[in-house]
Amino acid sequence: MRTDGREQTVQLHPQQSTVNTPCEATRTLEPALGEQVRKADLRETALLVGLQHTDEIAATLRELGCDLD
């Protein structure tokens, strides 16, 4: 997967507490894959994998207070 050829670019503005997580994941993934992992590839893949685990998304949203009225 490469960033080239994407028809649409979506800007993400993560909270500061979220910014370091991709860096940590990249340090783990690159040696396992044997190649450099681009930020866009990591973000897109994390989004796809995350959307396959909606129970975990719901739990995290609750932790962040999204179920509070």
PDB file of N, CA and C in Angstrom:
ATOM      1  N   MET A   1       0.859  -1.174   0.000  1.00  0.00           N
ATOM      2  CA  MET A   1       0.000   0.000   0.000  1.00  0.00           C
ATOM      3  C   MET A   1       0.903   1.233   0.000  1.00  0.00           C
ATOM      4  N   ARG A   2       0.621   2.141  -0.834  1.00  0.00           N
ATOM      5  CA  ARG A   2       1.396   3.378  -0.920  1.00  0.00           C
ATOM      6  C   ARG A   2       0.446   4.561  -0.925  1.00  0.00           C
ATOM      7  N   THR A   3       0.965   5.726  -0.549  1.00  0.00           N
ATOM      8  CA  THR A   3       0.139   6.930  -0.519  1.00  0.00           C
ATOM      9  C   THR A   3      -0.154   7.438  -1.916  1.00  0.00           C
ATOM     10  N   ASP A   4       0.651   7.063  -2.872  1.00  0.00           N
ATOM     11  CA  ASP A   4       0.439   7.500  -4.255  1.00  0.00           C
ATOM     12  C   ASP A   4      -0.870   6.924  -4.771  1.00  0.00           C
ATOM     13  N   GLY A   5      -1.556   7.684  -5.588  1.00  0.00           N
ATOM     14  CA  GLY A   5      -2.744   7.175  -6.239  1.00  0.00           C
ATOM     15  C   GLY A   5      -4.027   7.291  -5.445  1.00  0.00           C
ATOM     16  N   ARG A   6      -3.964   7.818  -4.251  1.00  0.00           N
ATOM     17  CA  ARG A   6      -5.193   7.992  -3.493  1.00  0.00           C
ATOM     18  C   ARG A   6      -5.993   9.103  -4.145  1.00  0.00           C
ATOM     19  N   GLU A   7      -7.274   8.864  -4.333  1.00  0.00           N
ATOM     20  CA  GLU A   7      -8.109   9.855  -4.991  1.00  0.00           C
ATOM     21  C   GLU A   7      -8.493  11.000  -4.069  1.00  0.00           C
ATOM     22  N   GLN A   8      -8.528  10.722  -2.766  1.00  0.00           N
ATOM     23  CA  GLN A   8      -8.962  11.746  -1.828  1.00  0.00           C
ATOM     24  C   GLN A   8      -8.032  11.762  -0.630  1.00  0.00           C
ATOM     25  N   THR A   9      -7.727  12.933  -0.136  1.00  0.00           N
ATOM     26  CA  THR A   9      -6.943  13.102   1.071  1.00  0.00           C
ATOM     27  C   THR A   9      -7.841  13.702   2.136  1.00  0.00           C
ATOM     28  N   VAL A  10      -7.809  13.110   3.324  1.00  0.00           N
ATOM     29  CA  VAL A  10      -8.612  13.604   4.430  1.00  0.00           C
ATOM     30  C   VAL A  10      -7.665  14.053   5.532  1.00  0.00           C
ATOM     31  N   GLN A  11      -7.824  15.272   5.956  1.00  0.00           N
ATOM     32  CA  GLN A  11      -6.975  15.835   6.998  1.00  0.00           C
ATOM     33  C   GLN A  11      -7.450  15.357   8.366  1.00  0.00           C
ATOM     34  N   LEU A  12      -6.542  14.839   9.170  1.00  0.00           N
ATOM     35  CA  LEU A  12      -6.851  14.451  10.549  1.00  0.00           C
ATOM     36  C   LEU A  12      -6.187  15.435  11.498  1.00  0.00           C
ATOM     37  N   HIS A  13      -6.893  15.789  12.541  1.00  0.00           N
ATOM     38  CA  HIS A  13      -6.351  16.684  13.563  1.00  0.00           C
ATOM     39  C   HIS A  13      -6.461  15.988  14.909  1.00  0.00           C
ATOM     40  N   PRO A  14      -5.541  15.042  15.190  1.00  0.00           N
ATOM     41  CA  PRO A  14      -5.640  14.276  16.429  1.00  0.00           C
ATOM     42  C   PRO A  14      -5.300  15.128  17.653  1.00  0.00           C
ATOM     43  N   GLN A  15      -5.838  14.693  18.790  1.00  0.00           N
ATOM     44  CA  GLN A  15      -5.487  15.336  20.046  1.00  0.00           C
ATOM     45  C   GLN A  15      -4.012  15.072  20.314  1.00  0.00           C
ATOM     46  N   GLN A  16      -3.387  15.939  21.066  1.00  0.00           N
ATOM     47  CA  GLN A  16      -1.959  15.799  21.352  1.00  0.00           C
ATOM     48  C   GLN A  16      -1.654  14.442  21.991  1.00  0.00           C
ATOM     49  N   SER A  17      -2.565  13.954  22.834  1.00  0.00           N
ATOM     50  CA  SER A  17      -2.331  12.667  23.496  1.00  0.00           C
ATOM     51  C   SER A  17      -2.320  11.502  22.506  1.00  0.00           C
ATOM     52  N   THR A  18      -2.843  11.700  21.321  1.00  0.00           N
ATOM     53  CA  THR A  18      -2.912  10.656  20.306  1.00  0.00           C
ATOM     54  C   THR A  18      -1.699  10.679  19.376  1.00  0.00           C
ATOM     55  N   VAL A  19      -1.014  11.783  19.329  1.00  0.00           N
ATOM     56  CA  VAL A  19       0.054  11.976  18.343  1.00  0.00           C
ATOM     57  C   VAL A  19       1.191  10.968  18.491  1.00  0.00           C
ATOM     58  N   ASN A  20       1.576  10.589  19.703  1.00  0.00           N
ATOM     59  CA  ASN A  20       2.720   9.691  19.889  1.00  0.00           C
ATOM     60  C   ASN A  20       2.405   8.238  19.587  1.00  0.00           C
ATOM     61  N   THR A  21       1.144   7.848  19.605  1.00  0.00           N
ATOM     62  CA  THR A  21       0.779   6.451  19.390  1.00  0.00           C
ATOM     63  C   THR A  21       1.239   5.927  18.028  1.00  0.00           C
ATOM     64  N   PRO A  22       1.026   6.647  16.920  1.00  0.00           N
ATOM     65  CA  PRO A  22       1.542   6.134  15.641  1.00  0.00           C
ATOM     66  C   PRO A  22       3.056   5.968  15.626  1.00  0.00           C
ATOM     67  N   CYS A  23       3.784   6.840  16.300  1.00  0.00           N
ATOM     68  CA  CYS A  23       5.248   6.720  16.344  1.00  0.00           C
ATOM     69  C   CYS A  23       5.657   5.427  17.034  1.00  0.00           C
ATOM     70  N   GLU A  24       4.987   5.115  18.131  1.00  0.00           N
ATOM     71  CA  GLU A  24       5.279   3.880  18.854  1.00  0.00           C
ATOM     72  C   GLU A  24       4.930   2.662  18.005  1.00  0.00           C
ATOM     73  N   ALA A  25       3.791   2.707  17.341  1.00  0.00           N
ATOM     74  CA  ALA A  25       3.369   1.595  16.486  1.00  0.00           C
ATOM     75  C   ALA A  25       4.343   1.410  15.323  1.00  0.00           C
ATOM     76  N   THR A  26       4.794   2.495  14.755  1.00  0.00           N
ATOM     77  CA  THR A  26       5.732   2.429  13.633  1.00  0.00           C
ATOM     78  C   THR A  26       7.032   1.756  14.056  1.00  0.00           C
ATOM     79  N   ARG A  27       7.523   2.082  15.245  1.00  0.00           N
ATOM     80  CA  ARG A  27       8.764   1.460  15.741  1.00  0.00           C
ATOM     81  C   ARG A  27       8.602  -0.048  15.900  1.00  0.00           C
ATOM     82  N   THR A  28       7.402  -0.513  16.171  1.00  0.00           N
ATOM     83  CA  THR A  28       7.144  -1.946  16.299  1.00  0.00           C
ATOM     84  C   THR A  28       6.934  -2.592  14.932  1.00  0.00           C
ATOM     85  N   LEU A  29       6.193  -1.915  14.067  1.00  0.00           N
ATOM     86  CA  LEU A  29       5.817  -2.497  12.778  1.00  0.00           C
ATOM     87  C   LEU A  29       6.952  -2.559  11.767  1.00  0.00           C
ATOM     88  N   GLU A  30       7.774  -1.522  11.699  1.00  0.00           N
ATOM     89  CA  GLU A  30       8.814  -1.488  10.661  1.00  0.00           C
ATOM     90  C   GLU A  30       9.767  -2.678  10.738  1.00  0.00           C
ATOM     91  N   PRO A  31      10.285  -3.035  11.924  1.00  0.00           N
ATOM     92  CA  PRO A  31      11.156  -4.223  11.967  1.00  0.00           C
ATOM     93  C   PRO A  31      10.402  -5.507  11.596  1.00  0.00           C
ATOM     94  N   ALA A  32       9.135  -5.600  12.007  1.00  0.00           N
ATOM     95  CA  ALA A  32       8.343  -6.796  11.701  1.00  0.00           C
ATOM     96  C   ALA A  32       8.087  -6.929  10.202  1.00  0.00           C
ATOM     97  N   LEU A  33       7.862  -5.807   9.533  1.00  0.00           N
ATOM     98  CA  LEU A  33       7.583  -5.815   8.097  1.00  0.00           C
ATOM     99  C   LEU A  33       8.837  -5.753   7.240  1.00  0.00           C
ATOM    100  N   GLY A  34       9.928  -5.273   7.835  1.00  0.00           N
ATOM    101  CA  GLY A  34      11.170  -5.168   7.087  1.00  0.00           C
ATOM    102  C   GLY A  34      11.205  -4.006   6.115  1.00  0.00           C
ATOM    103  N   GLU A  35      10.352  -3.025   6.331  1.00  0.00           N
ATOM    104  CA  GLU A  35      10.348  -1.835   5.475  1.00  0.00           C
ATOM    105  C   GLU A  35       9.751  -0.648   6.224  1.00  0.00           C
ATOM    106  N   GLN A  36       9.977   0.529   5.658  1.00  0.00           N
ATOM    107  CA  GLN A  36       9.450   1.763   6.232  1.00  0.00           C
ATOM    108  C   GLN A  36       7.924   1.790   6.090  1.00  0.00           C
ATOM    109  N   VAL A  37       7.242   2.239   7.136  1.00  0.00           N
ATOM    110  CA  VAL A  37       5.791   2.378   7.106  1.00  0.00           C
ATOM    111  C   VAL A  37       5.467   3.868   7.067  1.00  0.00           C
ATOM    112  N   ARG A  38       4.785   4.274   6.025  1.00  0.00           N
ATOM    113  CA  ARG A  38       4.422   5.686   5.882  1.00  0.00           C
ATOM    114  C   ARG A  38       3.237   6.020   6.783  1.00  0.00           C
ATOM    115  N   LYS A  39       3.208   7.272   7.260  1.00  0.00           N
ATOM    116  CA  LYS A  39       2.138   7.713   8.158  1.00  0.00           C
ATOM    117  C   LYS A  39       0.753   7.495   7.564  1.00  0.00           C
ATOM    118  N   ALA A  40       0.584   7.857   6.311  1.00  0.00           N
ATOM    119  CA  ALA A  40      -0.730   7.715   5.670  1.00  0.00           C
ATOM    120  C   ALA A  40      -1.147   6.254   5.610  1.00  0.00           C
ATOM    121  N   ASP A  41      -0.205   5.356   5.313  1.00  0.00           N
ATOM    122  CA  ASP A  41      -0.509   3.931   5.271  1.00  0.00           C
ATOM    123  C   ASP A  41      -0.893   3.421   6.654  1.00  0.00           C
ATOM    124  N   LEU A  42      -0.142   3.839   7.668  1.00  0.00           N
ATOM    125  CA  LEU A  42      -0.430   3.422   9.037  1.00  0.00           C
ATOM    126  C   LEU A  42      -1.800   3.907   9.474  1.00  0.00           C
ATOM    127  N   ARG A  43      -2.100   5.169   9.210  1.00  0.00           N
ATOM    128  CA  ARG A  43      -3.392   5.729   9.613  1.00  0.00           C
ATOM    129  C   ARG A  43      -4.553   5.053   8.896  1.00  0.00           C
ATOM    130  N   GLU A  44      -4.409   4.842   7.607  1.00  0.00           N
ATOM    131  CA  GLU A  44      -5.491   4.213   6.845  1.00  0.00           C
ATOM    132  C   GLU A  44      -5.713   2.774   7.306  1.00  0.00           C
ATOM    133  N   THR A  45      -4.639   2.041   7.518  1.00  0.00           N
ATOM    134  CA  THR A  45      -4.754   0.666   7.965  1.00  0.00           C
ATOM    135  C   THR A  45      -5.337   0.593   9.370  1.00  0.00           C
ATOM    136  N   ALA A  46      -4.898   1.473  10.259  1.00  0.00           N
ATOM    137  CA  ALA A  46      -5.440   1.504  11.623  1.00  0.00           C
ATOM    138  C   ALA A  46      -6.933   1.816  11.597  1.00  0.00           C
ATOM    139  N   LEU A  47      -7.345   2.700  10.725  1.00  0.00           N
ATOM    140  CA  LEU A  47      -8.765   3.023  10.586  1.00  0.00           C
ATOM    141  C   LEU A  47      -9.548   1.789  10.135  1.00  0.00           C
ATOM    142  N   LEU A  48      -9.045   1.100   9.112  1.00  0.00           N
ATOM    143  CA  LEU A  48      -9.722  -0.102   8.609  1.00  0.00           C
ATOM    144  C   LEU A  48      -9.803  -1.186   9.681  1.00  0.00           C
ATOM    145  N   VAL A  49      -8.707  -1.436  10.367  1.00  0.00           N
ATOM    146  CA  VAL A  49      -8.695  -2.461  11.418  1.00  0.00           C
ATOM    147  C   VAL A  49      -9.599  -2.040  12.571  1.00  0.00           C
ATOM    148  N   GLY A  50      -9.529  -0.778  12.947  1.00  0.00           N
ATOM    149  CA  GLY A  50     -10.373  -0.285  14.028  1.00  0.00           C
ATOM    150  C   GLY A  50     -11.842  -0.442  13.727  1.00  0.00           C
ATOM    151  N   LEU A  51     -12.241  -0.171  12.517  1.00  0.00           N
ATOM    152  CA  LEU A  51     -13.648  -0.269  12.143  1.00  0.00           C
ATOM    153  C   LEU A  51     -14.140  -1.718  12.115  1.00  0.00           C
ATOM    154  N   GLN A  52     -13.215  -2.661  12.148  1.00  0.00           N
ATOM    155  CA  GLN A  52     -13.586  -4.072  12.245  1.00  0.00           C
ATOM    156  C   GLN A  52     -13.779  -4.505  13.702  1.00  0.00           C
ATOM    157  N   HIS A  53     -13.478  -3.595  14.636  1.00  0.00           N
ATOM    158  CA  HIS A  53     -13.571  -3.891  16.067  1.00  0.00           C
ATOM    159  C   HIS A  53     -14.422  -2.830  16.755  1.00  0.00           C
ATOM    160  N   THR A  54     -15.687  -2.790  16.363  1.00  0.00           N
ATOM    161  CA  THR A  54     -16.570  -1.727  16.851  1.00  0.00           C
ATOM    162  C   THR A  54     -16.845  -1.802  18.352  1.00  0.00           C
ATOM    163  N   ASP A  55     -16.780  -2.995  18.952  1.00  0.00           N
ATOM    164  CA  ASP A  55     -16.953  -3.089  20.404  1.00  0.00           C
ATOM    165  C   ASP A  55     -15.850  -2.327  21.129  1.00  0.00           C
ATOM    166  N   GLU A  56     -14.623  -2.455  20.638  1.00  0.00           N
ATOM    167  CA  GLU A  56     -13.504  -1.741  21.239  1.00  0.00           C
ATOM    168  C   GLU A  56     -13.621  -0.239  20.996  1.00  0.00           C
ATOM    169  N   ILE A  57     -14.123   0.134  19.822  1.00  0.00           N
ATOM    170  CA  ILE A  57     -14.346   1.556  19.542  1.00  0.00           C
ATOM    171  C   ILE A  57     -15.365   2.112  20.523  1.00  0.00           C
ATOM    172  N   ALA A  58     -16.463   1.382  20.732  1.00  0.00           N
ATOM    173  CA  ALA A  58     -17.504   1.834  21.657  1.00  0.00           C
ATOM    174  C   ALA A  58     -16.947   1.978  23.072  1.00  0.00           C
ATOM    175  N   ALA A  59     -16.142   1.019  23.507  1.00  0.00           N
ATOM    176  CA  ALA A  59     -15.554   1.084  24.850  1.00  0.00           C
ATOM    177  C   ALA A  59     -14.647   2.305  24.993  1.00  0.00           C
ATOM    178  N   THR A  60     -13.851   2.572  23.993  1.00  0.00           N
ATOM    179  CA  THR A  60     -12.955   3.731  24.041  1.00  0.00           C
ATOM    180  C   THR A  60     -13.743   5.030  24.001  1.00  0.00           C
ATOM    181  N   LEU A  61     -14.790   5.083  23.194  1.00  0.00           N
ATOM    182  CA  LEU A  61     -15.646   6.276  23.158  1.00  0.00           C
ATOM    183  C   LEU A  61     -16.268   6.531  24.529  1.00  0.00           C
ATOM    184  N   ARG A  62     -16.691   5.464  25.196  1.00  0.00           N
ATOM    185  CA  ARG A  62     -17.236   5.629  26.551  1.00  0.00           C
ATOM    186  C   ARG A  62     -16.172   6.165  27.499  1.00  0.00           C
ATOM    187  N   GLU A  63     -14.952   5.633  27.397  1.00  0.00           N
ATOM    188  CA  GLU A  63     -13.845   6.105  28.240  1.00  0.00           C
ATOM    189  C   GLU A  63     -13.590   7.591  28.012  1.00  0.00           C
ATOM    190  N   LEU A  64     -13.790   8.037  26.784  1.00  0.00           N
ATOM    191  CA  LEU A  64     -13.563   9.444  26.451  1.00  0.00           C
ATOM    192  C   LEU A  64     -14.766  10.311  26.808  1.00  0.00           C
ATOM    193  N   GLY A  65     -15.828   9.676  27.307  1.00  0.00           N
ATOM    194  CA  GLY A  65     -16.993  10.428  27.741  1.00  0.00           C
ATOM    195  C   GLY A  65     -18.029  10.684  26.672  1.00  0.00           C
ATOM    196  N   CYS A  66     -17.963   9.959  25.574  1.00  0.00           N
ATOM    197  CA  CYS A  66     -18.900  10.206  24.476  1.00  0.00           C
ATOM    198  C   CYS A  66     -20.307   9.728  24.747  1.00  0.00           C
ATOM    199  N   ASP A  67     -20.517   8.928  25.805  1.00  0.00           N
ATOM    200  CA  ASP A  67     -21.877   8.476  26.107  1.00  0.00           C
ATOM    201  C   ASP A  67     -22.538   9.334  27.187  1.00  0.00           C
ATOM    202  N   LEU A  68     -21.865  10.393  27.566  1.00  0.00           N
ATOM    203  CA  LEU A  68     -22.426  11.284  28.586  1.00  0.00           C
ATOM    204  C   LEU A  68     -23.372  12.275  27.944  1.00  0.00           C
ATOM    205  N   ASP A  69     -24.523  12.473  28.541  1.00  0.00           N
ATOM    206  CA  ASP A  69     -25.476  13.443  28.000  1.00  0.00           C
ATOM    207  C   ASP A  69     -25.477  14.715  28.820  1.00  0.00           C
TER     208      ASP A  69
END
